């Protein structure tokens, strides 16, 4: 499957499923009534927030996939991002910034990894 099609399927699924779950959660409890995980009905918004966070992690990981060439690095970063979230994502960005040559613009971190 071409990368473009795969990405469209992935992000289309994430958009539709998160929209659907958020709609369903709003039928269980109004978002302004959410009080964390202390009350039973609040678990629906807590789950919606977790789904949203992990979809964000997955979105970031798509960039990591294009940046990293090796399978071991890709797998390691996937595990780190899914387990540590923003901490791992911050570490990845800091690593990318450290790899920049002094003459490169910061925008260069968005490009795929250089071939050896």
PDB file of N, CA and C in Angstrom:
ATOM      1  N   UNK A   1       0.859  -1.176   0.000  1.00  0.00           N
ATOM      2  CA  UNK A   1       0.000   0.000   0.000  1.00  0.00           C
ATOM      3  C   UNK A   1       0.906   1.240   0.000  1.00  0.00           C
ATOM      4  N   UNK A   2       0.645   2.180  -0.879  1.00  0.00           N
ATOM      5  CA  UNK A   2       1.463   3.401  -0.909  1.00  0.00           C
ATOM      6  C   UNK A   2       1.360   4.180   0.410  1.00  0.00           C
ATOM      7  N   UNK A   3       2.457   4.872   0.759  1.00  0.00           N
ATOM      8  CA  UNK A   3       2.512   5.622   2.019  1.00  0.00           C
ATOM      9  C   UNK A   3       1.378   6.630   2.142  1.00  0.00           C
ATOM     10  N   UNK A   4       1.072   7.310   1.062  1.00  0.00           N
ATOM     11  CA  UNK A   4       0.020   8.329   1.105  1.00  0.00           C
ATOM     12  C   UNK A   4      -1.325   7.696   1.459  1.00  0.00           C
ATOM     13  N   UNK A   5      -1.620   6.562   0.864  1.00  0.00           N
ATOM     14  CA  UNK A   5      -2.884   5.869   1.147  1.00  0.00           C
ATOM     15  C   UNK A   5      -2.909   5.378   2.583  1.00  0.00           C
ATOM     16  N   UNK A   6      -1.788   4.822   3.036  1.00  0.00           N
ATOM     17  CA  UNK A   6      -1.706   4.337   4.409  1.00  0.00           C
ATOM     18  C   UNK A   6      -1.920   5.475   5.404  1.00  0.00           C
ATOM     19  N   UNK A   7      -1.289   6.617   5.158  1.00  0.00           N
ATOM     20  CA  UNK A   7      -1.453   7.767   6.048  1.00  0.00           C
ATOM     21  C   UNK A   7      -2.886   8.298   6.016  1.00  0.00           C
ATOM     22  N   UNK A   8      -3.486   8.325   4.856  1.00  0.00           N
ATOM     23  CA  UNK A   8      -4.896   8.761   4.775  1.00  0.00           C
ATOM     24  C   UNK A   8      -5.794   7.826   5.578  1.00  0.00           C
ATOM     25  N   UNK A   9      -5.560   6.527   5.469  1.00  0.00           N
ATOM     26  CA  UNK A   9      -6.362   5.557   6.234  1.00  0.00           C
ATOM     27  C   UNK A   9      -6.138   5.731   7.738  1.00  0.00           C
ATOM     28  N   UNK A  10      -4.877   5.857   8.140  1.00  0.00           N
ATOM     29  CA  UNK A  10      -4.561   6.005   9.559  1.00  0.00           C
ATOM     30  C   UNK A  10      -5.202   7.253  10.141  1.00  0.00           C
ATOM     31  N   UNK A  11      -4.976   8.395   9.516  1.00  0.00           N
ATOM     32  CA  UNK A  11      -5.484   9.643  10.079  1.00  0.00           C
ATOM     33  C   UNK A  11      -6.995   9.792   9.877  1.00  0.00           C
ATOM     34  N   UNK A  12      -7.538   9.195   8.826  1.00  0.00           N
ATOM     35  CA  UNK A  12      -8.991   9.168   8.665  1.00  0.00           C
ATOM     36  C   UNK A  12      -9.646   8.360   9.771  1.00  0.00           C
ATOM     37  N   UNK A  13      -9.053   7.193  10.079  1.00  0.00           N
ATOM     38  CA  UNK A  13      -9.561   6.364  11.170  1.00  0.00           C
ATOM     39  C   UNK A  13      -9.490   7.116  12.493  1.00  0.00           C
ATOM     40  N   UNK A  14      -8.351   7.746  12.763  1.00  0.00           N
ATOM     41  CA  UNK A  14      -8.193   8.471  14.018  1.00  0.00           C
ATOM     42  C   UNK A  14      -9.219   9.593  14.132  1.00  0.00           C
ATOM     43  N   UNK A  15      -9.431  10.341  13.068  1.00  0.00           N
ATOM     44  CA  UNK A  15     -10.396  11.439  13.080  1.00  0.00           C
ATOM     45  C   UNK A  15     -11.807  10.924  13.326  1.00  0.00           C
ATOM     46  N   UNK A  16     -12.225   9.941  12.572  1.00  0.00           N
ATOM     47  CA  UNK A  16     -13.600   9.433  12.677  1.00  0.00           C
ATOM     48  C   UNK A  16     -13.824   8.749  14.027  1.00  0.00           C
ATOM     49  N   UNK A  17     -12.874   7.926  14.469  1.00  0.00           N
ATOM     50  CA  UNK A  17     -13.085   7.206  15.731  1.00  0.00           C
ATOM     51  C   UNK A  17     -13.065   8.157  16.924  1.00  0.00           C
ATOM     52  N   UNK A  18     -12.179   9.138  16.916  1.00  0.00           N
ATOM     53  CA  UNK A  18     -12.149  10.079  18.036  1.00  0.00           C
ATOM     54  C   UNK A  18     -13.384  10.966  18.035  1.00  0.00           C
ATOM     55  N   UNK A  19     -13.807  11.387  16.869  1.00  0.00           N
ATOM     56  CA  UNK A  19     -15.046  12.167  16.788  1.00  0.00           C
ATOM     57  C   UNK A  19     -16.221  11.330  17.302  1.00  0.00           C
ATOM     58  N   UNK A  20     -16.295  10.071  16.860  1.00  0.00           N
ATOM     59  CA  UNK A  20     -17.381   9.189  17.295  1.00  0.00           C
ATOM     60  C   UNK A  20     -17.374   8.953  18.787  1.00  0.00           C
ATOM     61  N   UNK A  21     -16.181   8.683  19.363  1.00  0.00           N
ATOM     62  CA  UNK A  21     -16.120   8.439  20.802  1.00  0.00           C
ATOM     63  C   UNK A  21     -16.445   9.709  21.582  1.00  0.00           C
ATOM     64  N   UNK A  22     -15.963  10.844  21.119  1.00  0.00           N
ATOM     65  CA  UNK A  22     -16.253  12.110  21.796  1.00  0.00           C
ATOM     66  C   UNK A  22     -17.747  12.407  21.758  1.00  0.00           C
ATOM     67  N   UNK A  23     -18.374  12.155  20.622  1.00  0.00           N
ATOM     68  CA  UNK A  23     -19.825  12.340  20.521  1.00  0.00           C
ATOM     69  C   UNK A  23     -20.531  11.415  21.503  1.00  0.00           C
ATOM     70  N   UNK A  24     -20.122  10.140  21.525  1.00  0.00           N
ATOM     71  CA  UNK A  24     -20.765   9.181  22.423  1.00  0.00           C
ATOM     72  C   UNK A  24     -20.554   9.584  23.882  1.00  0.00           C
ATOM     73  N   UNK A  25     -19.330   9.993  24.240  1.00  0.00           N
ATOM     74  CA  UNK A  25     -19.056  10.407  25.625  1.00  0.00           C
ATOM     75  C   UNK A  25     -19.926  11.595  26.012  1.00  0.00           C
ATOM     76  N   UNK A  26     -20.169  12.502  25.064  1.00  0.00           N
ATOM     77  CA  UNK A  26     -20.998  13.672  25.375  1.00  0.00           C
ATOM     78  C   UNK A  26     -22.454  13.287  25.615  1.00  0.00           C
ATOM     79  N   UNK A  27     -22.888  12.126  25.103  1.00  0.00           N
ATOM     80  CA  UNK A  27     -24.251  11.665  25.390  1.00  0.00           C
ATOM     81  C   UNK A  27     -24.339  11.032  26.778  1.00  0.00           C
ATOM     82  N   UNK A  28     -23.178  10.664  27.346  1.00  0.00           N
ATOM     83  CA  UNK A  28     -23.135  10.066  28.675  1.00  0.00           C
ATOM     84  C   UNK A  28     -23.024  11.127  29.770  1.00  0.00           C
ATOM     85  N   UNK A  29     -22.320  12.222  29.449  1.00  0.00           N
ATOM     86  CA  UNK A  29     -22.099  13.279  30.431  1.00  0.00           C
ATOM     87  C   UNK A  29     -21.608  14.522  29.682  1.00  0.00           C
ATOM     88  N   UNK A  30     -22.131  15.661  30.044  1.00  0.00           N
ATOM     89  CA  UNK A  30     -21.668  16.909  29.434  1.00  0.00           C
ATOM     90  C   UNK A  30     -20.222  17.149  29.837  1.00  0.00           C
ATOM     91  N   UNK A  31     -19.422  17.633  28.909  1.00  0.00           N
ATOM     92  CA  UNK A  31     -18.001  17.822  29.179  1.00  0.00           C
ATOM     93  C   UNK A  31     -17.772  18.795  30.340  1.00  0.00           C
ATOM     94  N   UNK A  32     -18.632  19.786  30.508  1.00  0.00           N
ATOM     95  CA  UNK A  32     -18.461  20.749  31.601  1.00  0.00           C
ATOM     96  C   UNK A  32     -18.806  20.156  32.962  1.00  0.00           C
ATOM     97  N   UNK A  33     -19.392  18.951  32.996  1.00  0.00           N
ATOM     98  CA  UNK A  33     -19.667  18.255  34.250  1.00  0.00           C
ATOM     99  C   UNK A  33     -18.546  17.302  34.659  1.00  0.00           C
ATOM    100  N   UNK A  34     -17.519  17.202  33.839  1.00  0.00           N
ATOM    101  CA  UNK A  34     -16.416  16.266  34.106  1.00  0.00           C
ATOM    102  C   UNK A  34     -15.648  16.690  35.351  1.00  0.00           C
ATOM    103  N   UNK A  35     -15.360  15.725  36.233  1.00  0.00           N
ATOM    104  CA  UNK A  35     -14.645  16.023  37.474  1.00  0.00           C
ATOM    105  C   UNK A  35     -13.458  15.090  37.668  1.00  0.00           C
ATOM    106  N   UNK A  36     -12.869  14.666  36.600  1.00  0.00           N
ATOM    107  CA  UNK A  36     -11.727  13.751  36.705  1.00  0.00           C
ATOM    108  C   UNK A  36     -12.189  12.323  36.794  1.00  0.00           C
ATOM    109  N   UNK A  37     -11.462  11.500  37.517  1.00  0.00           N
ATOM    110  CA  UNK A  37     -11.815  10.078  37.603  1.00  0.00           C
ATOM    111  C   UNK A  37     -12.473   9.728  38.929  1.00  0.00           C
ATOM    112  N   UNK A  38     -12.923  10.742  39.663  1.00  0.00           N
ATOM    113  CA  UNK A  38     -13.492  10.494  40.986  1.00  0.00           C
ATOM    114  C   UNK A  38     -14.911   9.963  40.934  1.00  0.00           C
ATOM    115  N   UNK A  39     -15.628  10.222  39.871  1.00  0.00           N
ATOM    116  CA  UNK A  39     -17.013   9.770  39.757  1.00  0.00           C
ATOM    117  C   UNK A  39     -17.161   8.803  38.590  1.00  0.00           C
ATOM    118  N   UNK A  40     -18.083   7.857  38.715  1.00  0.00           N
ATOM    119  CA  UNK A  40     -18.309   6.843  37.693  1.00  0.00           C
ATOM    120  C   UNK A  40     -18.494   7.376  36.276  1.00  0.00           C
ATOM    121  N   UNK A  41     -19.435   8.320  36.066  1.00  0.00           N
ATOM    122  CA  UNK A  41     -19.660   8.785  34.688  1.00  0.00           C
ATOM    123  C   UNK A  41     -18.450   9.507  34.084  1.00  0.00           C
ATOM    124  N   UNK A  42     -17.563  10.001  34.928  1.00  0.00           N
ATOM    125  CA  UNK A  42     -16.406  10.743  34.427  1.00  0.00           C
ATOM    126  C   UNK A  42     -15.437   9.866  33.643  1.00  0.00           C
ATOM    127  N   UNK A  43     -15.534   8.577  33.799  1.00  0.00           N
ATOM    128  CA  UNK A  43     -14.585   7.711  33.089  1.00  0.00           C
ATOM    129  C   UNK A  43     -14.689   7.855  31.583  1.00  0.00           C
ATOM    130  N   UNK A  44     -15.842   8.242  31.059  1.00  0.00           N
ATOM    131  CA  UNK A  44     -15.999   8.369  29.600  1.00  0.00           C
ATOM    132  C   UNK A  44     -15.144   9.509  29.067  1.00  0.00           C
ATOM    133  N   UNK A  45     -15.111  10.630  29.786  1.00  0.00           N
ATOM    134  CA  UNK A  45     -14.264  11.750  29.351  1.00  0.00           C
ATOM    135  C   UNK A  45     -12.797  11.462  29.616  1.00  0.00           C
ATOM    136  N   UNK A  46     -12.525  10.707  30.669  1.00  0.00           N
ATOM    137  CA  UNK A  46     -11.146  10.306  30.928  1.00  0.00           C
ATOM    138  C   UNK A  46     -10.650   9.420  29.788  1.00  0.00           C
ATOM    139  N   UNK A  47     -11.470   8.477  29.362  1.00  0.00           N
ATOM    140  CA  UNK A  47     -11.103   7.622  28.229  1.00  0.00           C
ATOM    141  C   UNK A  47     -10.958   8.431  26.941  1.00  0.00           C
ATOM    142  N   UNK A  48     -11.849   9.380  26.719  1.00  0.00           N
ATOM    143  CA  UNK A  48     -11.748  10.225  25.529  1.00  0.00           C
ATOM    144  C   UNK A  48     -10.425  10.994  25.531  1.00  0.00           C
ATOM    145  N   UNK A  49     -10.041  11.474  26.691  1.00  0.00           N
ATOM    146  CA  UNK A  49      -8.773  12.207  26.813  1.00  0.00           C
ATOM    147  C   UNK A  49      -7.590  11.285  26.550  1.00  0.00           C
ATOM    148  N   UNK A  50      -7.634  10.071  27.069  1.00  0.00           N
ATOM    149  CA  UNK A  50      -6.558   9.110  26.822  1.00  0.00           C
ATOM    150  C   UNK A  50      -6.464   8.734  25.346  1.00  0.00           C
ATOM    151  N   UNK A  51      -7.604   8.495  24.723  1.00  0.00           N
ATOM    152  CA  UNK A  51      -7.603   8.173  23.294  1.00  0.00           C
ATOM    153  C   UNK A  51      -6.996   9.333  22.511  1.00  0.00           C
ATOM    154  N   UNK A  52      -7.401  10.541  22.840  1.00  0.00           N
ATOM    155  CA  UNK A  52      -6.872  11.725  22.162  1.00  0.00           C
ATOM    156  C   UNK A  52      -5.357  11.823  22.354  1.00  0.00           C
ATOM    157  N   UNK A  53      -4.885  11.590  23.568  1.00  0.00           N
ATOM    158  CA  UNK A  53      -3.446  11.671  23.844  1.00  0.00           C
ATOM    159  C   UNK A  53      -2.685  10.622  23.037  1.00  0.00           C
ATOM    160  N   UNK A  54      -3.164   9.386  23.036  1.00  0.00           N
ATOM    161  CA  UNK A  54      -2.444   8.341  22.314  1.00  0.00           C
ATOM    162  C   UNK A  54      -2.523   8.530  20.804  1.00  0.00           C
ATOM    163  N   UNK A  55      -3.584   9.098  20.298  1.00  0.00           N
ATOM    164  CA  UNK A  55      -3.613   9.439  18.871  1.00  0.00           C
ATOM    165  C   UNK A  55      -2.586  10.533  18.578  1.00  0.00           C
ATOM    166  N   UNK A  56      -2.411  11.454  19.510  1.00  0.00           N
ATOM    167  CA  UNK A  56      -1.362  12.468  19.355  1.00  0.00           C
ATOM    168  C   UNK A  56       0.020  11.828  19.357  1.00  0.00           C
ATOM    169  N   UNK A  57       0.237  10.850  20.242  1.00  0.00           N
ATOM    170  CA  UNK A  57       1.510  10.136  20.272  1.00  0.00           C
ATOM    171  C   UNK A  57       1.739   9.415  18.945  1.00  0.00           C
ATOM    172  N   UNK A  58       0.692   8.789  18.436  1.00  0.00           N
ATOM    173  CA  UNK A  58       0.800   8.070  17.170  1.00  0.00           C
ATOM    174  C   UNK A  58       1.083   9.031  16.015  1.00  0.00           C
ATOM    175  N   UNK A  59       0.467  10.195  16.052  1.00  0.00           N
ATOM    176  CA  UNK A  59       0.719  11.211  15.026  1.00  0.00           C
ATOM    177  C   UNK A  59       2.190  11.620  15.047  1.00  0.00           C
ATOM    178  N   UNK A  60       2.720  11.863  16.226  1.00  0.00           N
ATOM    179  CA  UNK A  60       4.134  12.219  16.352  1.00  0.00           C
ATOM    180  C   UNK A  60       5.007  11.070  15.859  1.00  0.00           C
ATOM    181  N   UNK A  61       4.616   9.832  16.182  1.00  0.00           N
ATOM    182  CA  UNK A  61       5.409   8.673  15.789  1.00  0.00           C
ATOM    183  C   UNK A  61       5.501   8.538  14.270  1.00  0.00           C
ATOM    184  N   UNK A  62       4.489   8.966  13.553  1.00  0.00           N
ATOM    185  CA  UNK A  62       4.567   8.922  12.081  1.00  0.00           C
ATOM    186  C   UNK A  62       5.779   9.725  11.607  1.00  0.00           C
ATOM    187  N   UNK A  63       6.017  10.864  12.231  1.00  0.00           N
ATOM    188  CA  UNK A  63       7.199  11.672  11.890  1.00  0.00           C
ATOM    189  C   UNK A  63       8.473  10.895  12.248  1.00  0.00           C
ATOM    190  N   UNK A  64       8.482  10.276  13.437  1.00  0.00           N
ATOM    191  CA  UNK A  64       9.640   9.491  13.865  1.00  0.00           C
ATOM    192  C   UNK A  64       9.927   8.386  12.849  1.00  0.00           C
ATOM    193  N   UNK A  65       8.880   7.741  12.361  1.00  0.00           N
ATOM    194  CA  UNK A  65       9.028   6.658  11.384  1.00  0.00           C
ATOM    195  C   UNK A  65       9.787   7.149  10.148  1.00  0.00           C
ATOM    196  N   UNK A  66       9.464   8.347   9.688  1.00  0.00           N
ATOM    197  CA  UNK A  66      10.135   8.897   8.513  1.00  0.00           C
ATOM    198  C   UNK A  66      11.544   9.395   8.843  1.00  0.00           C
ATOM    199  N   UNK A  67      11.776   9.802  10.076  1.00  0.00           N
ATOM    200  CA  UNK A  67      13.091  10.292  10.468  1.00  0.00           C
ATOM    201  C   UNK A  67      14.083   9.161  10.704  1.00  0.00           C
ATOM    202  N   UNK A  68      13.642   8.089  11.310  1.00  0.00           N
ATOM    203  CA  UNK A  68      14.524   6.976  11.651  1.00  0.00           C
ATOM    204  C   UNK A  68      14.521   5.947  10.530  1.00  0.00           C
ATOM    205  N   UNK A  69      15.684   5.430  10.205  1.00  0.00           N
ATOM    206  CA  UNK A  69      15.799   4.451   9.119  1.00  0.00           C
ATOM    207  C   UNK A  69      15.815   3.008   9.616  1.00  0.00           C
ATOM    208  N   UNK A  70      16.388   2.784  10.781  1.00  0.00           N
ATOM    209  CA  UNK A  70      16.549   1.415  11.267  1.00  0.00           C
ATOM    210  C   UNK A  70      15.319   0.888  11.985  1.00  0.00           C
ATOM    211  N   UNK A  71      15.060  -0.396  11.824  1.00  0.00           N
ATOM    212  CA  UNK A  71      13.904  -1.037  12.461  1.00  0.00           C
ATOM    213  C   UNK A  71      14.006  -1.017  13.980  1.00  0.00           C
ATOM    214  N   UNK A  72      15.210  -1.222  14.502  1.00  0.00           N
ATOM    215  CA  UNK A  72      15.391  -1.243  15.959  1.00  0.00           C
ATOM    216  C   UNK A  72      15.094   0.144  16.533  1.00  0.00           C
ATOM    217  N   UNK A  73      15.613   1.185  15.879  1.00  0.00           N
ATOM    218  CA  UNK A  73      15.358   2.557  16.347  1.00  0.00           C
ATOM    219  C   UNK A  73      13.870   2.874  16.270  1.00  0.00           C
ATOM    220  N   UNK A  74      13.231   2.493  15.189  1.00  0.00           N
ATOM    221  CA  UNK A  74      11.790   2.751  15.043  1.00  0.00           C
ATOM    222  C   UNK A  74      10.997   2.058  16.142  1.00  0.00           C
ATOM    223  N   UNK A  75      11.329   0.804  16.400  1.00  0.00           N
ATOM    224  CA  UNK A  75      10.618   0.056  17.443  1.00  0.00           C
ATOM    225  C   UNK A  75      10.897   0.661  18.824  1.00  0.00           C
ATOM    226  N   UNK A  76      12.146   0.995  19.082  1.00  0.00           N
ATOM    227  CA  UNK A  76      12.497   1.588  20.377  1.00  0.00           C
ATOM    228  C   UNK A  76      11.772   2.893  20.632  1.00  0.00           C
ATOM    229  N   UNK A  77      11.728   3.747  19.605  1.00  0.00           N
ATOM    230  CA  UNK A  77      11.024   5.019  19.771  1.00  0.00           C
ATOM    231  C   UNK A  77       9.516   4.798  19.916  1.00  0.00           C
ATOM    232  N   UNK A  78       8.970   3.815  19.214  1.00  0.00           N
ATOM    233  CA  UNK A  78       7.534   3.535  19.360  1.00  0.00           C
ATOM    234  C   UNK A  78       7.220   3.148  20.803  1.00  0.00           C
ATOM    235  N   UNK A  79       8.016   2.240  21.347  1.00  0.00           N
ATOM    236  CA  UNK A  79       7.790   1.803  22.730  1.00  0.00           C
ATOM    237  C   UNK A  79       7.957   2.978  23.695  1.00  0.00           C
ATOM    238  N   UNK A  80       9.004   3.760  23.501  1.00  0.00           N
ATOM    239  CA  UNK A  80       9.254   4.906  24.379  1.00  0.00           C
ATOM    240  C   UNK A  80       8.112   5.917  24.311  1.00  0.00           C
ATOM    241  N   UNK A  81       7.641   6.226  23.113  1.00  0.00           N
ATOM    242  CA  UNK A  81       6.569   7.217  22.966  1.00  0.00           C
ATOM    243  C   UNK A  81       5.261   6.708  23.564  1.00  0.00           C
ATOM    244  N   UNK A  82       4.935   5.449  23.327  1.00  0.00           N
ATOM    245  CA  UNK A  82       3.690   4.914  23.870  1.00  0.00           C
ATOM    246  C   UNK A  82       3.756   4.758  25.388  1.00  0.00           C
ATOM    247  N   UNK A  83       4.952   4.529  25.938  1.00  0.00           N
ATOM    248  CA  UNK A  83       5.087   4.353  27.386  1.00  0.00           C
ATOM    249  C   UNK A  83       5.299   5.675  28.128  1.00  0.00           C
ATOM    250  N   UNK A  84       6.051   6.584  27.511  1.00  0.00           N
ATOM    251  CA  UNK A  84       6.437   7.812  28.210  1.00  0.00           C
ATOM    252  C   UNK A  84       5.809   9.076  27.644  1.00  0.00           C
ATOM    253  N   UNK A  85       5.137   8.965  26.513  1.00  0.00           N
ATOM    254  CA  UNK A  85       4.427  10.102  25.934  1.00  0.00           C
ATOM    255  C   UNK A  85       5.311  11.288  25.615  1.00  0.00           C
ATOM    256  N   UNK A  86       4.921  12.443  26.123  1.00  0.00           N
ATOM    257  CA  UNK A  86       5.592  13.696  25.797  1.00  0.00           C
ATOM    258  C   UNK A  86       7.037  13.715  26.269  1.00  0.00           C
ATOM    259  N   UNK A  87       7.366  12.968  27.309  1.00  0.00           N
ATOM    260  CA  UNK A  87       8.768  12.910  27.747  1.00  0.00           C
ATOM    261  C   UNK A  87       9.644  12.327  26.636  1.00  0.00           C
ATOM    262  N   UNK A  88       9.207  11.217  26.037  1.00  0.00           N
ATOM    263  CA  UNK A  88       9.972  10.600  24.943  1.00  0.00           C
ATOM    264  C   UNK A  88       9.956  11.495  23.709  1.00  0.00           C
ATOM    265  N   UNK A  89       8.832  12.128  23.441  1.00  0.00           N
ATOM    266  CA  UNK A  89       8.754  13.000  22.268  1.00  0.00           C
ATOM    267  C   UNK A  89       9.695  14.186  22.431  1.00  0.00           C
ATOM    268  N   UNK A  90       9.780  14.742  23.625  1.00  0.00           N
ATOM    269  CA  UNK A  90      10.699  15.849  23.886  1.00  0.00           C
ATOM    270  C   UNK A  90      12.142  15.396  23.703  1.00  0.00           C
ATOM    271  N   UNK A  91      12.454  14.198  24.198  1.00  0.00           N
ATOM    272  CA  UNK A  91      13.804  13.659  24.041  1.00  0.00           C
ATOM    273  C   UNK A  91      14.147  13.481  22.560  1.00  0.00           C
ATOM    274  N   UNK A  92      13.193  13.017  21.776  1.00  0.00           N
ATOM    275  CA  UNK A  92      13.430  12.823  20.344  1.00  0.00           C
ATOM    276  C   UNK A  92      13.716  14.161  19.662  1.00  0.00           C
ATOM    277  N   UNK A  93      12.930  15.183  19.973  1.00  0.00           N
ATOM    278  CA  UNK A  93      13.150  16.506  19.362  1.00  0.00           C
ATOM    279  C   UNK A  93      14.503  17.066  19.796  1.00  0.00           C
ATOM    280  N   UNK A  94      14.849  16.932  21.066  1.00  0.00           N
ATOM    281  CA  UNK A  94      16.152  17.412  21.534  1.00  0.00           C
ATOM    282  C   UNK A  94      17.295  16.691  20.815  1.00  0.00           C
ATOM    283  N   UNK A  95      17.136  15.399  20.598  1.00  0.00           N
ATOM    284  CA  UNK A  95      18.139  14.634  19.856  1.00  0.00           C
ATOM    285  C   UNK A  95      18.260  15.138  18.420  1.00  0.00           C
ATOM    286  N   UNK A  96      17.113  15.402  17.797  1.00  0.00           N
ATOM    287  CA  UNK A  96      17.138  15.919  16.419  1.00  0.00           C
ATOM    288  C   UNK A  96      17.826  17.281  16.363  1.00  0.00           C
ATOM    289  N   UNK A  97      17.556  18.123  17.346  1.00  0.00           N
ATOM    290  CA  UNK A  97      18.199  19.442  17.388  1.00  0.00           C
ATOM    291  C   UNK A  97      19.712  19.307  17.602  1.00  0.00           C
ATOM    292  N   UNK A  98      20.120  18.358  18.432  1.00  0.00           N
ATOM    293  CA  UNK A  98      21.547  18.142  18.691  1.00  0.00           C
ATOM    294  C   UNK A  98      22.270  17.635  17.445  1.00  0.00           C
ATOM    295  N   UNK A  99      21.569  16.927  16.587  1.00  0.00           N
ATOM    296  CA  UNK A  99      22.168  16.388  15.361  1.00  0.00           C
ATOM    297  C   UNK A  99      22.320  17.428  14.256  1.00  0.00           C
ATOM    298  N   UNK A 100      21.698  18.581  14.409  1.00  0.00           N
ATOM    299  CA  UNK A 100      21.798  19.627  13.380  1.00  0.00           C
ATOM    300  C   UNK A 100      23.220  20.158  13.303  1.00  0.00           C
ATOM    301  N   UNK A 101      23.669  20.392  12.081  1.00  0.00           N
ATOM    302  CA  UNK A 101      24.945  21.084  11.899  1.00  0.00           C
ATOM    303  C   UNK A 101      24.720  22.558  12.226  1.00  0.00           C
ATOM    304  N   UNK A 102      25.742  23.261  12.656  1.00  0.00           N
ATOM    305  CA  UNK A 102      25.573  24.675  13.031  1.00  0.00           C
ATOM    306  C   UNK A 102      24.994  25.547  11.915  1.00  0.00           C
ATOM    307  N   UNK A 103      25.254  25.188  10.655  1.00  0.00           N
ATOM    308  CA  UNK A 103      24.780  25.998   9.539  1.00  0.00           C
ATOM    309  C   UNK A 103      23.366  25.626   9.080  1.00  0.00           C
ATOM    310  N   UNK A 104      22.777  24.581   9.659  1.00  0.00           N
ATOM    311  CA  UNK A 104      21.442  24.139   9.242  1.00  0.00           C
ATOM    312  C   UNK A 104      20.358  24.912   9.978  1.00  0.00           C
ATOM    313  N   UNK A 105      19.262  25.242   9.283  1.00  0.00           N
ATOM    314  CA  UNK A 105      18.138  25.875   9.971  1.00  0.00           C
ATOM    315  C   UNK A 105      17.393  24.835  10.814  1.00  0.00           C
ATOM    316  N   UNK A 106      16.683  25.298  11.812  1.00  0.00           N
ATOM    317  CA  UNK A 106      15.920  24.386  12.673  1.00  0.00           C
ATOM    318  C   UNK A 106      14.910  23.582  11.855  1.00  0.00           C
ATOM    319  N   UNK A 107      14.385  24.150  10.799  1.00  0.00           N
ATOM    320  CA  UNK A 107      13.400  23.448   9.965  1.00  0.00           C
ATOM    321  C   UNK A 107      13.966  22.169   9.353  1.00  0.00           C
ATOM    322  N   UNK A 108      15.286  22.023   9.342  1.00  0.00           N
ATOM    323  CA  UNK A 108      15.895  20.819   8.788  1.00  0.00           C
ATOM    324  C   UNK A 108      15.536  19.566   9.588  1.00  0.00           C
ATOM    325  N   UNK A 109      15.126  19.722  10.850  1.00  0.00           N
ATOM    326  CA  UNK A 109      14.748  18.530  11.628  1.00  0.00           C
ATOM    327  C   UNK A 109      13.478  17.885  11.083  1.00  0.00           C
ATOM    328  N   UNK A 110      12.730  18.600  10.271  1.00  0.00           N
ATOM    329  CA  UNK A 110      11.491  18.046   9.718  1.00  0.00           C
ATOM    330  C   UNK A 110      11.741  17.133   8.521  1.00  0.00           C
ATOM    331  N   UNK A 111      12.918  17.188   7.950  1.00  0.00           N
ATOM    332  CA  UNK A 111      13.236  16.381   6.768  1.00  0.00           C
ATOM    333  C   UNK A 111      13.559  14.957   7.182  1.00  0.00           C
ATOM    334  N   UNK A 112      13.337  14.005   6.270  1.00  0.00           N
ATOM    335  CA  UNK A 112      13.736  12.616   6.571  1.00  0.00           C
ATOM    336  C   UNK A 112      15.225  12.531   6.858  1.00  0.00           C
ATOM    337  N   UNK A 113      15.618  11.474   7.546  1.00  0.00           N
ATOM    338  CA  UNK A 113      17.025  11.294   7.914  1.00  0.00           C
ATOM    339  C   UNK A 113      17.898  11.260   6.672  1.00  0.00           C
ATOM    340  N   UNK A 114      19.107  11.784   6.823  1.00  0.00           N
ATOM    341  CA  UNK A 114      20.079  11.746   5.733  1.00  0.00           C
ATOM    342  C   UNK A 114      20.533  10.317   5.527  1.00  0.00           C
ATOM    343  N   UNK A 115      20.740   9.960   4.293  1.00  0.00           N
ATOM    344  CA  UNK A 115      21.252   8.628   3.977  1.00  0.00           C
ATOM    345  C   UNK A 115      22.747   8.587   4.278  1.00  0.00           C
ATOM    346  N   UNK A 116      23.241   7.496   4.827  1.00  0.00           N
ATOM    347  CA  UNK A 116      24.685   7.387   5.133  1.00  0.00           C
ATOM    348  C   UNK A 116      25.521   7.384   3.865  1.00  0.00           C
TER     349      UNK A 116
END
